[in-house]
Amino acid sequence: MAQATEPRKGILLPAGGVAKAAASGRESVLEREEIRQLIELAATLPSRFPSLRDADGREVPADIEFGFYEGRLVLFQIRPFLESPHARRSRFLSSLDRELDRRAVFTVDLDETPSTG
């Protein structure tokens, strides 16, 4: 990952809201312990959230929103990516993807580790 270049970052305030503060400019975004916690979450997700399955009982991908508070992984929200047959037949929704489909030049294999070059 490249170093972030934004000079300021948002800080959540205890009473609510967000304040801006100077960004650290560190080379890494996550600490080793934070990475370990994310790996553990990924490994335990199916047993911790068994409802992340489609109508046929197959595991489905999930949109996971998380953060770290005082070095501890905090799960904000998790919801499954489920395909809707009704939405799939919608002409309007299909029209939104038409330009993206035209520009798509390659497929990403989500089971492979990304290459660096």
N, C-alpha and C. Protein backbone atom coordinates (compact mmCIF):
# COMPACT_ATOMS: atom_id res chain seq x y z
N MET A 1 0.83 -1.18 0.00
CA MET A 1 0.00 0.00 0.00
C MET A 1 0.87 1.25 0.00
N ALA A 2 0.42 2.24 -0.70
CA ALA A 2 1.17 3.49 -0.72
C ALA A 2 0.82 4.32 0.50
N GLN A 3 1.75 5.15 0.88
CA GLN A 3 1.52 6.04 2.02
C GLN A 3 0.41 7.02 1.67
N ALA A 4 -0.46 7.28 2.61
CA ALA A 4 -1.52 8.25 2.41
C ALA A 4 -0.92 9.64 2.30
N THR A 5 -1.49 10.47 1.46
CA THR A 5 -0.94 11.81 1.25
C THR A 5 -1.81 12.90 1.84
N GLU A 6 -2.97 12.57 2.32
CA GLU A 6 -3.86 13.59 2.91
C GLU A 6 -3.22 14.13 4.18
N PRO A 7 -3.04 15.45 4.29
CA PRO A 7 -2.36 16.02 5.46
C PRO A 7 -3.21 16.02 6.73
N ARG A 8 -4.54 15.89 6.59
CA ARG A 8 -5.41 15.93 7.76
C ARG A 8 -6.32 14.70 7.75
N LYS A 9 -6.78 14.30 8.93
CA LYS A 9 -7.68 13.15 9.05
C LYS A 9 -8.84 13.50 9.96
N GLY A 10 -9.93 12.76 9.83
CA GLY A 10 -11.09 12.95 10.69
C GLY A 10 -10.93 12.18 11.98
N ILE A 11 -11.28 12.80 13.10
CA ILE A 11 -11.24 12.17 14.42
C ILE A 11 -12.65 12.22 15.00
N LEU A 12 -13.16 11.05 15.42
CA LEU A 12 -14.49 11.03 16.03
C LEU A 12 -14.43 11.65 17.42
N LEU A 13 -15.36 12.53 17.70
CA LEU A 13 -15.42 13.19 19.01
C LEU A 13 -16.30 12.38 19.96
N PRO A 14 -15.94 12.30 21.24
CA PRO A 14 -16.73 11.52 22.21
C PRO A 14 -18.20 11.93 22.28
N ALA A 15 -18.48 13.22 22.12
CA ALA A 15 -19.85 13.70 22.20
C ALA A 15 -20.56 13.64 20.86
N GLY A 16 -19.88 13.12 19.84
CA GLY A 16 -20.45 13.06 18.50
C GLY A 16 -19.79 14.07 17.58
N GLY A 17 -19.87 13.83 16.32
CA GLY A 17 -19.26 14.72 15.35
C GLY A 17 -17.83 14.31 15.03
N VAL A 18 -17.23 15.10 14.17
CA VAL A 18 -15.88 14.80 13.69
C VAL A 18 -15.05 16.07 13.73
N ALA A 19 -13.80 15.93 14.14
CA ALA A 19 -12.84 17.05 14.11
C ALA A 19 -11.71 16.66 13.18
N LYS A 20 -11.00 17.64 12.64
CA LYS A 20 -9.84 17.39 11.78
C LYS A 20 -8.57 17.52 12.61
N ALA A 21 -7.62 16.62 12.34
CA ALA A 21 -6.33 16.64 13.03
C ALA A 21 -5.25 16.30 12.01
N ALA A 22 -4.01 16.61 12.34
CA ALA A 22 -2.90 16.30 11.44
C ALA A 22 -2.79 14.78 11.28
N ALA A 23 -2.57 14.33 10.05
CA ALA A 23 -2.38 12.90 9.79
C ALA A 23 -0.94 12.52 10.11
N SER A 24 -0.74 11.25 10.45
CA SER A 24 0.59 10.80 10.88
C SER A 24 1.57 10.69 9.73
N GLY A 25 1.08 10.35 8.54
CA GLY A 25 1.98 10.17 7.42
C GLY A 25 2.81 8.90 7.52
N ARG A 26 2.39 7.95 8.35
CA ARG A 26 3.12 6.68 8.51
C ARG A 26 3.14 5.92 7.20
N GLU A 27 4.15 5.07 7.06
CA GLU A 27 4.26 4.23 5.87
C GLU A 27 3.20 3.14 5.83
N SER A 28 2.79 2.64 7.00
CA SER A 28 1.78 1.58 7.02
C SER A 28 0.48 2.12 7.58
N VAL A 29 -0.60 1.55 7.10
CA VAL A 29 -1.92 1.98 7.54
C VAL A 29 -2.34 1.21 8.80
N LEU A 30 -1.99 -0.07 8.85
CA LEU A 30 -2.38 -0.93 9.97
C LEU A 30 -1.17 -1.42 10.74
N GLU A 31 -1.35 -1.59 12.04
CA GLU A 31 -0.32 -2.20 12.89
C GLU A 31 -0.41 -3.72 12.75
N ARG A 32 0.67 -4.42 13.11
CA ARG A 32 0.68 -5.89 13.01
C ARG A 32 -0.49 -6.52 13.77
N GLU A 33 -0.77 -6.02 14.96
CA GLU A 33 -1.85 -6.58 15.77
C GLU A 33 -3.20 -6.34 15.10
N GLU A 34 -3.37 -5.21 14.46
CA GLU A 34 -4.62 -4.93 13.75
C GLU A 34 -4.79 -5.90 12.57
N ILE A 35 -3.70 -6.15 11.87
CA ILE A 35 -3.74 -7.12 10.76
C ILE A 35 -4.11 -8.50 11.29
N ARG A 36 -3.53 -8.89 12.41
CA ARG A 36 -3.84 -10.19 13.01
C ARG A 36 -5.33 -10.29 13.34
N GLN A 37 -5.89 -9.22 13.88
CA GLN A 37 -7.31 -9.22 14.24
C GLN A 37 -8.19 -9.34 12.99
N LEU A 38 -7.80 -8.70 11.90
CA LEU A 38 -8.57 -8.81 10.66
C LEU A 38 -8.50 -10.22 10.09
N ILE A 39 -7.32 -10.83 10.16
CA ILE A 39 -7.18 -12.22 9.69
C ILE A 39 -8.06 -13.14 10.53
N GLU A 40 -8.08 -12.92 11.83
CA GLU A 40 -8.91 -13.74 12.72
C GLU A 40 -10.39 -13.55 12.40
N LEU A 41 -10.81 -12.30 12.15
CA LEU A 41 -12.20 -12.04 11.80
C LEU A 41 -12.57 -12.80 10.53
N ALA A 42 -11.70 -12.72 9.51
CA ALA A 42 -11.98 -13.42 8.25
C ALA A 42 -12.09 -14.92 8.46
N ALA A 43 -11.23 -15.47 9.29
CA ALA A 43 -11.23 -16.92 9.53
C ALA A 43 -12.46 -17.38 10.31
N THR A 44 -12.97 -16.54 11.19
CA THR A 44 -14.09 -16.95 12.06
C THR A 44 -15.44 -16.44 11.58
N LEU A 45 -15.47 -15.68 10.50
CA LEU A 45 -16.72 -15.09 10.01
C LEU A 45 -17.83 -16.12 9.78
N PRO A 46 -17.57 -17.22 9.08
CA PRO A 46 -18.66 -18.18 8.84
C PRO A 46 -19.28 -18.74 10.12
N SER A 47 -18.46 -18.99 11.14
CA SER A 47 -19.03 -19.54 12.37
C SER A 47 -19.68 -18.46 13.24
N ARG A 48 -19.16 -17.24 13.16
CA ARG A 48 -19.74 -16.15 13.96
C ARG A 48 -21.01 -15.59 13.34
N PHE A 49 -21.11 -15.67 12.02
CA PHE A 49 -22.28 -15.14 11.31
C PHE A 49 -22.81 -16.19 10.34
N PRO A 50 -23.39 -17.27 10.86
CA PRO A 50 -23.85 -18.36 10.00
C PRO A 50 -24.99 -17.96 9.07
N SER A 51 -25.62 -16.83 9.31
CA SER A 51 -26.74 -16.40 8.47
C SER A 51 -26.27 -15.78 7.16
N LEU A 52 -24.96 -15.66 6.94
CA LEU A 52 -24.45 -15.10 5.69
C LEU A 52 -24.47 -16.18 4.60
N ARG A 53 -25.68 -16.58 4.25
CA ARG A 53 -25.89 -17.62 3.24
C ARG A 53 -27.05 -17.22 2.34
N ASP A 54 -27.02 -17.74 1.13
CA ASP A 54 -28.13 -17.47 0.22
C ASP A 54 -29.26 -18.47 0.47
N ALA A 55 -30.29 -18.41 -0.36
CA ALA A 55 -31.47 -19.27 -0.17
C ALA A 55 -31.14 -20.75 -0.31
N ASP A 56 -30.04 -21.06 -1.02
CA ASP A 56 -29.62 -22.45 -1.19
C ASP A 56 -28.62 -22.90 -0.13
N GLY A 57 -28.34 -22.04 0.85
CA GLY A 57 -27.42 -22.40 1.93
C GLY A 57 -25.95 -22.18 1.64
N ARG A 58 -25.63 -21.58 0.49
CA ARG A 58 -24.23 -21.31 0.15
C ARG A 58 -23.77 -20.03 0.83
N GLU A 59 -22.50 -20.02 1.26
CA GLU A 59 -21.93 -18.80 1.85
C GLU A 59 -21.91 -17.70 0.80
N VAL A 60 -22.16 -16.47 1.24
CA VAL A 60 -22.15 -15.32 0.33
C VAL A 60 -21.15 -14.29 0.83
N PRO A 61 -20.63 -13.45 -0.07
CA PRO A 61 -19.74 -12.37 0.36
C PRO A 61 -20.52 -11.40 1.25
N ALA A 62 -19.79 -10.63 2.04
CA ALA A 62 -20.44 -9.67 2.94
C ALA A 62 -19.74 -8.32 2.86
N ASP A 63 -20.53 -7.28 3.03
CA ASP A 63 -20.01 -5.92 3.15
C ASP A 63 -19.79 -5.71 4.64
N ILE A 64 -18.53 -5.53 5.03
CA ILE A 64 -18.18 -5.41 6.45
C ILE A 64 -17.60 -4.03 6.71
N GLU A 65 -18.23 -3.31 7.61
CA GLU A 65 -17.72 -2.00 8.01
C GLU A 65 -17.14 -2.13 9.41
N PHE A 66 -15.87 -1.72 9.55
CA PHE A 66 -15.19 -1.88 10.83
C PHE A 66 -14.24 -0.71 11.05
N GLY A 67 -13.72 -0.65 12.24
CA GLY A 67 -12.70 0.33 12.60
C GLY A 67 -11.91 -0.22 13.77
N PHE A 68 -10.95 0.55 14.21
CA PHE A 68 -10.16 0.16 15.37
C PHE A 68 -10.30 1.25 16.42
N TYR A 69 -10.55 0.84 17.65
CA TYR A 69 -10.63 1.77 18.77
C TYR A 69 -9.66 1.27 19.83
N GLU A 70 -8.69 2.11 20.13
CA GLU A 70 -7.65 1.76 21.11
C GLU A 70 -7.04 0.40 20.81
N GLY A 71 -6.77 0.16 19.52
CA GLY A 71 -6.12 -1.07 19.09
C GLY A 71 -7.01 -2.28 18.97
N ARG A 72 -8.29 -2.12 19.24
CA ARG A 72 -9.23 -3.25 19.21
C ARG A 72 -10.16 -3.13 18.01
N LEU A 73 -10.33 -4.23 17.29
CA LEU A 73 -11.23 -4.26 16.14
C LEU A 73 -12.67 -4.10 16.59
N VAL A 74 -13.38 -3.16 15.98
CA VAL A 74 -14.78 -2.92 16.30
C VAL A 74 -15.58 -3.10 15.01
N LEU A 75 -16.56 -3.99 15.05
CA LEU A 75 -17.42 -4.24 13.90
C LEU A 75 -18.59 -3.27 13.96
N PHE A 76 -18.73 -2.42 12.94
CA PHE A 76 -19.82 -1.45 12.91
C PHE A 76 -21.08 -2.06 12.30
N GLN A 77 -20.89 -2.76 11.20
CA GLN A 77 -22.04 -3.29 10.47
C GLN A 77 -21.56 -4.40 9.55
N ILE A 78 -22.40 -5.38 9.35
CA ILE A 78 -22.11 -6.44 8.38
C ILE A 78 -23.42 -6.80 7.70
N ARG A 79 -23.37 -6.90 6.38
CA ARG A 79 -24.57 -7.30 5.65
C ARG A 79 -24.16 -8.11 4.43
N PRO A 80 -24.94 -9.11 4.09
CA PRO A 80 -24.59 -9.97 2.95
C PRO A 80 -24.81 -9.26 1.62
N PHE A 81 -23.99 -9.63 0.64
CA PHE A 81 -24.23 -9.22 -0.74
C PHE A 81 -25.11 -10.30 -1.35
N LEU A 82 -26.38 -10.02 -1.48
CA LEU A 82 -27.30 -10.99 -2.06
C LEU A 82 -27.81 -10.43 -3.38
N GLU A 83 -27.87 -11.29 -4.36
CA GLU A 83 -28.35 -10.87 -5.66
C GLU A 83 -29.87 -10.98 -5.69
N SER A 84 -30.50 -9.95 -6.20
CA SER A 84 -31.95 -9.94 -6.29
C SER A 84 -32.37 -10.27 -7.72
N PRO A 85 -33.12 -11.36 -7.91
CA PRO A 85 -33.60 -11.68 -9.27
C PRO A 85 -34.46 -10.55 -9.84
N HIS A 86 -35.24 -9.90 -8.98
CA HIS A 86 -36.08 -8.78 -9.43
C HIS A 86 -35.20 -7.63 -9.93
N ALA A 87 -34.17 -7.29 -9.16
CA ALA A 87 -33.26 -6.22 -9.58
C ALA A 87 -32.51 -6.60 -10.85
N ARG A 88 -32.15 -7.86 -11.00
CA ARG A 88 -31.43 -8.34 -12.18
C ARG A 88 -32.25 -8.11 -13.46
N ARG A 89 -33.59 -8.18 -13.34
CA ARG A 89 -34.47 -7.99 -14.50
C ARG A 89 -34.82 -6.53 -14.75
N SER A 90 -34.41 -5.63 -13.87
CA SER A 90 -34.77 -4.22 -14.01
C SER A 90 -34.00 -3.56 -15.16
N ARG A 91 -34.73 -3.05 -16.13
CA ARG A 91 -34.08 -2.35 -17.25
C ARG A 91 -33.33 -1.12 -16.76
N PHE A 92 -33.93 -0.40 -15.84
CA PHE A 92 -33.28 0.81 -15.33
C PHE A 92 -31.95 0.47 -14.66
N LEU A 93 -31.94 -0.50 -13.76
CA LEU A 93 -30.69 -0.86 -13.07
C LEU A 93 -29.66 -1.40 -14.06
N SER A 94 -30.10 -2.18 -15.04
CA SER A 94 -29.17 -2.68 -16.06
C SER A 94 -28.56 -1.54 -16.85
N SER A 95 -29.34 -0.50 -17.12
CA SER A 95 -28.82 0.63 -17.89
C SER A 95 -27.71 1.37 -17.12
N LEU A 96 -27.77 1.32 -15.80
CA LEU A 96 -26.73 1.98 -15.01
C LEU A 96 -25.38 1.29 -15.17
N ASP A 97 -25.40 0.00 -15.43
CA ASP A 97 -24.17 -0.78 -15.58
C ASP A 97 -23.65 -0.83 -17.01
N ARG A 98 -24.43 -0.40 -17.96
CA ARG A 98 -24.06 -0.55 -19.37
C ARG A 98 -22.70 0.06 -19.69
N GLU A 99 -22.46 1.29 -19.24
CA GLU A 99 -21.17 1.95 -19.52
C GLU A 99 -20.03 1.21 -18.85
N LEU A 100 -20.23 0.76 -17.62
CA LEU A 100 -19.19 -0.01 -16.93
C LEU A 100 -18.89 -1.30 -17.68
N ASP A 101 -19.92 -1.98 -18.14
CA ASP A 101 -19.73 -3.22 -18.88
C ASP A 101 -18.91 -2.98 -20.15
N ARG A 102 -19.15 -1.86 -20.81
CA ARG A 102 -18.41 -1.54 -22.04
C ARG A 102 -16.93 -1.31 -21.76
N ARG A 103 -16.62 -0.72 -20.60
CA ARG A 103 -15.24 -0.38 -20.27
C ARG A 103 -14.49 -1.51 -19.56
N ALA A 104 -15.18 -2.55 -19.18
CA ALA A 104 -14.53 -3.64 -18.45
C ALA A 104 -13.54 -4.34 -19.38
N VAL A 105 -12.28 -4.42 -18.94
CA VAL A 105 -11.25 -5.01 -19.80
C VAL A 105 -10.67 -6.29 -19.21
N PHE A 106 -10.91 -6.55 -17.93
CA PHE A 106 -10.39 -7.78 -17.34
C PHE A 106 -11.23 -8.16 -16.13
N THR A 107 -11.12 -9.40 -15.77
CA THR A 107 -11.83 -9.93 -14.61
C THR A 107 -10.84 -10.15 -13.48
N VAL A 108 -11.23 -9.80 -12.27
CA VAL A 108 -10.38 -10.01 -11.10
C VAL A 108 -10.80 -11.31 -10.43
N ASP A 109 -9.84 -12.21 -10.24
CA ASP A 109 -10.10 -13.46 -9.54
C ASP A 109 -9.94 -13.22 -8.05
N LEU A 110 -11.03 -13.22 -7.31
CA LEU A 110 -11.00 -12.90 -5.89
C LEU A 110 -10.38 -14.01 -5.04
N ASP A 111 -10.09 -15.16 -5.65
CA ASP A 111 -9.43 -16.24 -4.93
C ASP A 111 -7.91 -16.17 -5.05
N GLU A 112 -7.40 -15.23 -5.85
CA GLU A 112 -5.96 -15.09 -6.07
C GLU A 112 -5.42 -13.91 -5.28
N THR A 113 -4.14 -14.01 -4.90
CA THR A 113 -3.46 -12.89 -4.25
C THR A 113 -3.08 -11.88 -5.33
N PRO A 114 -3.35 -10.58 -5.12
CA PRO A 114 -3.00 -9.59 -6.15
C PRO A 114 -1.49 -9.55 -6.39
N SER A 115 -1.12 -9.32 -7.63
CA SER A 115 0.31 -9.19 -7.94
C SER A 115 0.73 -7.75 -7.71
N THR A 116 2.02 -7.53 -7.58
CA THR A 116 2.51 -6.18 -7.32
C THR A 116 2.94 -5.48 -8.60
N GLY A 117 2.82 -6.09 -9.71
CA GLY A 117 3.26 -5.42 -10.91
C GLY A 117 2.61 -5.94 -12.08
